[in-house]
């Protein structure tokens, strides 16, 4: 099944998303990571599309969505939640499951808590955090800040693909075709003709102006829905001591949290192989 490509107005911006599956099917929101695009979710969305309507947005400043006019104020979780609330309204979504990789998991957490957007409280039924947690490792955040604001540029697409293969090696196994698709769906040309990752470098202002934006224990503690945390076994962003703390508070304290380590991956599992599909399927279908 091929997805449809849609452009919708959310929080005053044109937001792009791909949509898979039948319009009347149960909804899954699949939200990508910090410097990526919604097309990273293609393999998972294709797998789920026979049973679910899968919506894969490009966050503001990424992929084919508009870039922020005021980066300092709009590249932050509270504004992403406002975009998500409008996305629910514009697409006629009443209830949905949420699968979020890294930043996408943090967006799902703050949406499900309802602390930023009260109209979303109770409308996210299940939350899957793909290598995301309410506290992220300081060393990994410093690494992200160092590269995210200065995306590299290359003369050729193949050079960019080689770069992606290196920096995203922690994703785990991807086929050659998947590496090529990852590259071609997250690339833009600069005025000088070189190619670079398809995101606004100013999105790094989330870290420089909102240093604790990803410290979201208050949102996590407010969750009363089932949560699955998939931690890449070699992740440097989500540490074992953090997932241990998650089990003692919020949905963990209520018996609603599962933590599963994904072998062969760091930050973050690509959600593109049968073993990872099975984890998603089991979680979404568990009643």
Protein backbone atom coordinates (compact mmCIF):
# COMPACT_ATOMS: atom_id res chain seq x y z
CA UNK A 1 0.00 0.00 0.00
CA UNK A 2 1.25 3.48 -0.90
CA UNK A 3 0.70 6.45 1.43
CA UNK A 4 -1.08 9.65 0.60
CA UNK A 5 0.73 12.95 1.08
CA UNK A 6 -1.17 15.69 2.90
CA UNK A 7 -0.60 19.30 3.88
CA UNK A 8 -2.64 20.70 6.75
CA UNK A 9 -2.69 23.99 8.67
CA UNK A 10 -1.62 23.56 12.29
CA UNK A 11 -0.80 26.38 14.73
CA UNK A 12 -0.47 28.78 11.80
CA UNK A 13 1.93 26.60 9.78
CA UNK A 14 1.67 24.23 6.85
CA UNK A 15 2.49 20.79 8.22
CA UNK A 16 3.17 17.85 5.94
CA UNK A 17 2.29 14.29 6.81
CA UNK A 18 2.00 10.95 5.08
CA UNK A 19 -1.08 8.86 5.75
CA UNK A 20 -1.37 5.09 5.41
CA UNK A 21 -4.31 2.69 5.68
CA UNK A 22 -8.07 3.03 5.60
CA UNK A 23 -9.67 6.27 6.85
CA UNK A 24 -12.08 4.37 9.11
CA UNK A 25 -9.40 2.22 10.80
CA UNK A 26 -8.08 2.86 14.33
CA UNK A 27 -5.49 5.65 14.28
CA UNK A 28 -1.79 5.43 15.04
CA UNK A 29 0.28 8.61 15.18
CA UNK A 30 3.92 7.77 14.33
CA UNK A 31 6.20 10.72 15.10
CA UNK A 32 9.88 10.87 14.11
CA UNK A 33 13.04 11.94 15.93
CA UNK A 34 14.81 15.29 16.31
CA UNK A 35 16.63 15.75 12.99
CA UNK A 36 14.59 13.32 10.94
CA UNK A 37 11.29 13.28 9.00
CA UNK A 38 8.05 11.34 9.05
CA UNK A 39 9.30 9.16 6.22
CA UNK A 40 11.48 7.32 8.75
CA UNK A 41 8.25 5.61 9.77
CA UNK A 42 7.51 4.19 6.31
CA UNK A 43 8.47 0.59 7.07
CA UNK A 44 6.45 0.48 10.29
CA UNK A 45 3.51 2.34 8.76
CA UNK A 46 3.43 -0.03 5.80
CA UNK A 47 3.41 -2.97 8.20
CA UNK A 48 0.55 -1.50 10.26
CA UNK A 49 -1.50 -0.13 7.37
CA UNK A 50 -3.66 -3.23 6.86
CA UNK A 51 -5.11 -2.72 10.36
CA UNK A 52 -4.59 0.94 11.23
CA UNK A 53 -4.77 4.43 9.79
CA UNK A 54 -1.18 5.60 10.34
CA UNK A 55 -0.35 9.32 10.36
CA UNK A 56 3.35 10.27 10.05
CA UNK A 57 3.90 14.03 10.40
CA UNK A 58 6.97 16.08 9.57
CA UNK A 59 7.59 18.29 12.62
CA UNK A 60 7.76 22.02 11.96
CA UNK A 61 11.23 22.78 10.56
CA UNK A 62 11.72 19.26 9.22
CA UNK A 63 11.03 17.57 5.90
CA UNK A 64 8.30 19.27 3.89
CA UNK A 65 6.73 21.20 6.77
CA UNK A 66 7.23 24.96 7.06
CA UNK A 67 10.10 26.35 9.11
CA UNK A 68 9.44 28.37 12.26
CA UNK A 69 9.22 32.15 11.95
CA UNK A 70 10.29 32.58 15.58
CA UNK A 71 12.60 29.61 16.25
CA UNK A 72 13.27 30.46 19.89
CA UNK A 73 9.57 30.27 20.77
CA UNK A 74 8.38 27.57 18.40
CA UNK A 75 11.06 24.88 18.39
CA UNK A 76 10.01 23.47 21.76
CA UNK A 77 7.73 20.75 23.12
CA UNK A 78 4.85 23.04 24.10
CA UNK A 79 4.53 24.35 20.54
CA UNK A 80 4.88 20.87 19.07
CA UNK A 81 1.97 19.83 21.30
CA UNK A 82 -0.09 22.72 19.93
CA UNK A 83 0.64 21.49 16.41
CA UNK A 84 -0.39 17.96 17.42
CA UNK A 85 -3.67 19.23 18.90
CA UNK A 86 -4.49 21.00 15.64
CA UNK A 87 -3.48 17.90 13.69
CA UNK A 88 -6.04 15.86 15.67
CA UNK A 89 -8.67 18.47 14.90
CA UNK A 90 -7.84 18.94 11.21
CA UNK A 91 -7.73 15.20 10.49
CA UNK A 92 -10.85 14.40 12.52
CA UNK A 93 -8.99 12.16 14.98
CA UNK A 94 -10.91 11.40 18.15
CA UNK A 95 -8.67 8.74 19.71
CA UNK A 96 -5.24 7.44 18.70
CA UNK A 97 -2.31 5.31 19.71
CA UNK A 98 1.05 7.13 19.65
CA UNK A 99 4.43 5.77 18.57
CA UNK A 100 7.27 8.24 18.99
CA UNK A 101 10.97 7.89 18.27
CA UNK A 102 13.18 10.05 20.50
CA UNK A 103 11.73 13.60 20.19
CA UNK A 104 8.51 12.05 18.86
CA UNK A 105 8.18 10.13 22.11
CA UNK A 106 8.62 13.31 24.16
CA UNK A 107 5.94 15.02 22.06
CA UNK A 108 3.64 12.06 22.68
CA UNK A 109 4.29 12.23 26.41
CA UNK A 110 3.42 15.93 26.73
CA UNK A 111 0.37 15.46 24.52
CA UNK A 112 -0.91 12.48 26.50
CA UNK A 113 -0.41 14.26 29.83
CA UNK A 114 -2.68 17.11 28.76
CA UNK A 115 -0.63 19.62 30.74
CA UNK A 116 0.13 21.72 27.65
CA UNK A 117 -2.99 20.92 25.60
CA UNK A 118 -5.83 19.84 27.94
CA UNK A 119 -8.06 18.92 24.99
CA UNK A 120 -5.73 15.98 24.24
CA UNK A 121 -6.04 14.43 27.71
CA UNK A 122 -7.67 11.00 27.40
CA UNK A 123 -7.39 10.91 23.61
CA UNK A 124 -4.09 9.01 23.39
CA UNK A 125 -4.85 5.42 24.31
CA UNK A 126 -1.37 3.90 24.30
CA UNK A 127 2.06 5.47 24.14
CA UNK A 128 5.16 3.78 22.73
CA UNK A 129 8.43 5.53 23.55
CA UNK A 130 11.14 4.46 21.12
CA UNK A 131 14.37 5.19 23.00
CA UNK A 132 12.88 8.14 24.82
CA UNK A 133 12.37 8.84 28.51
CA UNK A 134 11.38 11.73 30.81
CA UNK A 135 15.06 12.41 31.46
CA UNK A 136 17.80 12.14 28.84
CA UNK A 137 21.51 11.65 29.47
CA UNK A 138 23.43 14.92 29.70
CA UNK A 139 26.41 13.66 27.70
CA UNK A 140 24.19 12.56 24.82
CA UNK A 141 22.35 15.88 24.84
CA UNK A 142 25.67 17.70 24.56
CA UNK A 143 26.56 15.52 21.59
CA UNK A 144 23.24 16.35 19.93
CA UNK A 145 23.70 20.08 20.52
CA UNK A 146 27.15 19.90 18.96
CA UNK A 147 25.96 18.49 15.63
CA UNK A 148 22.30 19.47 15.22
CA UNK A 149 22.87 23.18 14.69
CA UNK A 150 25.55 22.66 12.06
CA UNK A 151 24.34 20.04 9.58
CA UNK A 152 27.06 19.01 7.15
CA UNK A 153 26.88 19.64 3.42
CA UNK A 154 28.24 17.43 0.65
CA UNK A 155 28.75 17.68 -3.09
CA UNK A 156 26.89 14.44 -3.83
CA UNK A 157 23.96 12.43 -2.56
CA UNK A 158 26.18 9.38 -2.16
CA UNK A 159 28.46 11.29 0.20
CA UNK A 160 25.46 12.27 2.30
CA UNK A 161 24.28 8.65 2.35
CA UNK A 162 27.71 7.56 3.58
CA UNK A 163 27.46 10.16 6.34
CA UNK A 164 23.99 8.93 7.34
CA UNK A 165 25.21 5.32 7.40
CA UNK A 166 27.90 6.36 9.84
CA UNK A 167 25.96 8.60 12.23
CA UNK A 168 22.82 6.46 12.24
CA UNK A 169 24.62 3.15 12.64
CA UNK A 170 22.97 2.85 16.10
CA UNK A 171 19.61 2.44 14.33
CA UNK A 172 20.56 -1.19 13.79
CA UNK A 173 20.17 -3.15 10.57
CA UNK A 174 18.87 -1.36 7.48
CA UNK A 175 18.93 -2.79 3.97
CA UNK A 176 20.77 -0.92 1.22
CA UNK A 177 17.39 0.15 -0.16
CA UNK A 178 16.35 1.48 3.24
CA UNK A 179 19.57 3.50 3.59
CA UNK A 180 18.94 4.97 0.15
CA UNK A 181 15.35 5.84 1.06
CA UNK A 182 16.42 7.35 4.39
CA UNK A 183 18.79 9.60 2.45
CA UNK A 184 16.44 10.56 -0.37
CA UNK A 185 13.55 11.38 1.98
CA UNK A 186 15.62 13.69 4.19
CA UNK A 187 17.74 15.74 1.81
CA UNK A 188 17.67 19.28 0.42
CA UNK A 189 19.98 21.24 -1.86
CA UNK A 190 21.62 24.43 -0.74
CA UNK A 191 21.91 27.50 -3.00
CA UNK A 192 25.46 26.42 -3.92
CA UNK A 193 24.18 23.04 -5.13
CA UNK A 194 25.48 20.94 -2.28
CA UNK A 195 23.16 18.59 -0.35
CA UNK A 196 22.39 18.65 3.37
CA UNK A 197 19.88 17.05 5.78
CA UNK A 198 16.37 18.42 5.36
CA UNK A 199 15.84 20.39 8.57
CA UNK A 200 16.14 23.92 9.88
CA UNK A 201 19.44 24.27 11.79
CA UNK A 202 17.70 26.78 14.07
CA UNK A 203 15.77 23.92 15.67
CA UNK A 204 18.80 23.49 17.95
CA UNK A 205 17.51 26.57 19.79
CA UNK A 206 15.27 24.17 21.68
CA UNK A 207 18.42 23.19 23.57
CA UNK A 208 20.14 26.56 23.79
CA UNK A 209 17.09 28.52 25.00
CA UNK A 210 15.08 25.78 26.75
CA UNK A 211 17.75 23.72 28.43
CA UNK A 212 15.31 21.55 30.40
CA UNK A 213 12.67 21.13 27.70
CA UNK A 214 13.20 17.37 27.67
CA UNK A 215 13.11 17.02 31.44
CA UNK A 216 9.44 16.05 31.54
CA UNK A 217 8.89 13.97 34.68
CA UNK A 218 5.78 16.02 35.52
CA UNK A 219 4.18 15.01 32.22
CA UNK A 220 5.25 11.38 32.62
CA UNK A 221 3.93 11.24 36.19
CA UNK A 222 0.52 12.44 34.93
CA UNK A 223 0.13 9.53 32.50
CA UNK A 224 -2.52 6.94 33.28
CA UNK A 225 -2.34 4.96 30.04
CA UNK A 226 -0.28 1.91 28.99
CA UNK A 227 3.28 2.85 28.03
CA UNK A 228 5.93 0.75 26.31
CA UNK A 229 9.51 2.01 26.43
CA UNK A 230 11.79 0.40 23.86
CA UNK A 231 15.36 1.11 24.90
CA UNK A 232 18.17 0.49 22.44
CA UNK A 233 20.50 -1.84 24.32
CA UNK A 234 23.48 0.40 23.52
CA UNK A 235 21.63 3.70 23.85
CA UNK A 236 23.62 6.60 25.30
CA UNK A 237 20.50 8.78 25.54
CA UNK A 238 18.18 6.64 27.67
CA UNK A 239 20.15 5.14 30.54
CA UNK A 240 19.19 2.00 32.51
CA UNK A 241 18.91 4.00 35.73
CA UNK A 242 16.32 6.22 34.05
CA UNK A 243 14.12 3.33 32.94
CA UNK A 244 14.49 1.89 36.46
CA UNK A 245 13.14 5.15 37.88
CA UNK A 246 10.32 5.14 35.32
CA UNK A 247 9.16 1.83 36.80
CA UNK A 248 8.74 3.44 40.22
CA UNK A 249 6.60 6.44 39.27
CA UNK A 250 3.80 7.55 36.95
CA UNK A 251 2.51 4.69 34.78
CA UNK A 252 5.30 2.48 36.14
CA UNK A 253 3.99 2.85 39.67
CA UNK A 254 0.49 2.07 38.36
CA UNK A 255 1.60 -1.12 36.60
CA UNK A 256 1.06 0.40 33.17
CA UNK A 257 4.70 0.52 31.99
CA UNK A 258 6.71 -2.10 30.13
CA UNK A 259 10.42 -1.60 29.40
CA UNK A 260 12.01 -3.74 26.69
CA UNK A 261 15.65 -3.56 25.61
CA UNK A 262 16.14 -3.92 21.86
CA UNK A 263 19.36 -5.79 21.04
CA UNK A 264 21.72 -4.64 18.32
CA UNK A 265 20.61 -1.00 18.54
CA UNK A 266 21.60 2.21 20.24
CA UNK A 267 19.70 5.44 19.72
CA UNK A 268 17.25 4.63 18.30
CA UNK A 269 15.84 1.36 16.92
CA UNK A 270 14.68 1.90 13.34
CA UNK A 271 11.41 -0.05 13.84
CA UNK A 272 11.96 -1.74 10.50
CA UNK A 273 12.51 -5.47 11.16
CA UNK A 274 10.11 -8.30 12.09
CA UNK A 275 11.29 -8.56 15.69
CA UNK A 276 10.58 -4.88 16.28
CA UNK A 277 7.27 -5.06 14.40
CA UNK A 278 6.25 -7.86 16.78
CA UNK A 279 6.92 -5.65 19.81
CA UNK A 280 4.75 -2.91 18.34
CA UNK A 281 1.99 -5.32 17.32
CA UNK A 282 1.89 -6.91 20.74
CA UNK A 283 1.67 -3.59 22.51
CA UNK A 284 -1.05 -2.13 20.29
CA UNK A 285 -3.19 -5.25 20.42
CA UNK A 286 -2.77 -5.93 24.17
CA UNK A 287 -6.10 -5.38 25.92
